[in-house]
Amino acid sequence: MSTIKVDNLQTTGGAGLYPARAWVNFNGTGTVAIRDSGNVSSITDRTTGKYRVNVSNAFSNANFANVLEGGQNLAANYQAQYNSSIGEDAVPTTTTAEAQGGNSINAVFIDPVYMNVLLIS
């Protein structure tokens, strides 16, 4: 297999392309477990519903986009929401990003069954 290394990608029209620099799909319940990932070395379970994504190869700065999506297997009318906590209680670095899952009805943090984090820099 060959490896292509470039500093910048562009479309034929000159627009820049910004692919994901890191991504992870993990189980946030019980013992946190990564299902699959790219450029992610591990996940840290900070507390209920709060996680730290640790990247393998550092970003050039900590000003990256952190996109989250999650899902919860729950009964009744329980709506879960997932968001980044950039600057809230843990500042991101060139090697870490924060993620959290909560309930939009009563603002209680929960451990999601499915959590997906996409980091773009």
Protein backbone atom coordinates (compact mmCIF):
# COMPACT_ATOMS: atom_id res chain seq x y z
CA MET A 1 0.00 0.00 0.00
CA SER A 2 1.24 3.51 -0.83
CA THR A 3 0.93 6.63 1.31
CA ILE A 4 0.27 10.07 -0.16
CA LYS A 5 1.39 12.99 1.99
CA VAL A 6 0.31 16.57 1.21
CA ASP A 7 0.04 19.81 3.16
CA ASN A 8 -3.00 21.21 1.31
CA LEU A 9 -5.77 19.71 -0.79
CA GLN A 10 -7.80 21.71 -3.28
CA THR A 11 -10.60 21.10 -5.72
CA THR A 12 -9.95 21.84 -9.38
CA GLY A 13 -11.72 25.16 -8.79
CA GLY A 14 -9.19 26.11 -6.10
CA ALA A 15 -11.43 25.64 -3.05
CA GLY A 16 -9.72 23.99 -0.08
CA LEU A 17 -10.71 20.53 1.14
CA TYR A 18 -10.77 19.95 4.88
CA PRO A 19 -11.06 16.25 5.67
CA ALA A 20 -11.53 14.87 9.16
CA ARG A 21 -8.27 14.89 11.11
CA ALA A 22 -9.64 12.44 13.69
CA TRP A 23 -12.86 10.55 14.39
CA VAL A 24 -14.15 7.97 16.83
CA ASN A 25 -17.26 5.85 17.42
CA PHE A 26 -17.47 4.58 21.01
CA ASN A 27 -19.70 3.08 23.68
CA GLY A 28 -19.99 5.53 26.57
CA THR A 29 -21.68 3.16 29.03
CA GLY A 30 -19.90 1.05 31.65
CA THR A 31 -16.27 0.66 30.63
CA VAL A 32 -15.85 3.06 27.71
CA ALA A 33 -14.97 1.14 24.57
CA ILE A 34 -13.89 2.38 21.14
CA ARG A 35 -15.74 0.59 18.33
CA ASP A 36 -13.63 2.14 15.57
CA SER A 37 -11.55 5.28 15.07
CA GLY A 38 -9.03 7.19 13.00
CA ASN A 39 -6.15 9.12 14.63
CA VAL A 40 -7.63 8.52 18.11
CA SER A 41 -5.42 6.80 20.67
CA SER A 42 -7.96 6.49 23.50
CA ILE A 43 -11.07 7.84 25.23
CA THR A 44 -11.03 9.07 28.83
CA ASP A 45 -14.25 8.72 30.85
CA ARG A 46 -14.14 11.96 32.89
CA THR A 47 -17.45 11.50 34.71
CA THR A 48 -21.05 10.63 33.83
CA GLY A 49 -21.71 11.82 30.29
CA LYS A 50 -18.34 13.60 29.89
CA TYR A 51 -15.44 12.25 27.84
CA ARG A 52 -12.03 13.28 26.56
CA VAL A 53 -10.95 12.18 23.09
CA ASN A 54 -7.17 11.71 22.91
CA VAL A 55 -5.69 12.00 19.42
CA SER A 56 -2.66 10.05 18.20
CA ASN A 57 -1.08 12.79 16.05
CA ALA A 58 -1.37 16.34 17.43
CA PHE A 59 -3.13 19.14 15.55
CA SER A 60 -1.19 22.29 14.67
CA ASN A 61 -3.41 24.26 17.11
CA ALA A 62 -6.41 23.76 19.39
CA ASN A 63 -8.83 25.72 17.17
CA PHE A 64 -10.46 22.73 15.48
CA ALA A 65 -14.11 21.92 14.86
CA ASN A 66 -15.56 19.30 17.20
CA VAL A 67 -18.72 17.68 15.78
CA LEU A 68 -20.69 15.23 17.93
CA GLU A 69 -23.56 12.85 17.42
CA GLY A 70 -24.93 10.26 19.77
CA GLY A 71 -27.72 7.85 20.47
CA GLN A 72 -29.29 6.32 23.54
CA ASN A 73 -31.44 3.21 23.84
CA LEU A 74 -34.05 4.58 26.18
CA ALA A 75 -37.70 3.93 26.90
CA ALA A 76 -40.40 6.58 27.38
CA ASN A 77 -40.02 10.19 26.23
CA TYR A 78 -36.36 10.73 27.05
CA GLN A 79 -34.52 12.97 24.59
CA ALA A 80 -30.73 12.91 24.66
CA GLN A 81 -28.55 15.69 23.29
CA TYR A 82 -24.85 15.63 22.54
CA ASN A 83 -22.48 18.54 22.30
CA SER A 84 -18.89 19.61 22.65
CA SER A 85 -17.84 21.30 25.86
CA ILE A 86 -15.11 23.45 24.38
CA GLY A 87 -14.07 25.91 27.08
CA GLU A 88 -16.93 24.92 29.40
CA ASP A 89 -15.08 22.92 32.03
CA ALA A 90 -12.15 21.47 30.06
CA VAL A 91 -10.26 23.45 27.45
CA PRO A 92 -9.26 21.51 24.30
CA THR A 93 -5.59 21.13 23.42
CA THR A 94 -3.71 20.06 20.30
CA THR A 95 -4.07 16.45 21.48
CA THR A 96 -7.49 16.38 23.20
CA ALA A 97 -11.13 17.26 22.56
CA GLU A 98 -14.07 17.17 24.93
CA ALA A 99 -17.49 15.57 24.39
CA GLN A 100 -20.58 15.30 26.56
CA GLY A 101 -24.04 13.76 26.49
CA GLY A 102 -27.06 15.04 28.35
CA ASN A 103 -30.82 15.18 28.52
CA SER A 104 -32.52 18.17 26.89
CA ILE A 105 -35.52 17.86 29.21
CA ASN A 106 -33.80 18.14 32.61
CA ALA A 107 -30.12 18.89 31.75
CA VAL A 108 -28.79 15.73 33.43
CA PHE A 109 -25.64 14.20 31.95
CA ILE A 110 -25.97 10.60 30.77
CA ASP A 111 -23.62 7.92 29.42
CA PRO A 112 -24.67 7.36 25.78
CA VAL A 113 -24.69 3.92 24.21
CA TYR A 114 -23.41 5.42 20.95
CA MET A 115 -21.15 8.46 20.69
CA ASN A 116 -19.53 9.72 17.49
CA VAL A 117 -16.94 12.50 17.49
CA LEU A 118 -15.49 14.10 14.34
CA LEU A 119 -12.56 16.54 14.57
CA ILE A 120 -11.79 18.82 11.63
CA SER A 121 -8.78 21.12 11.58
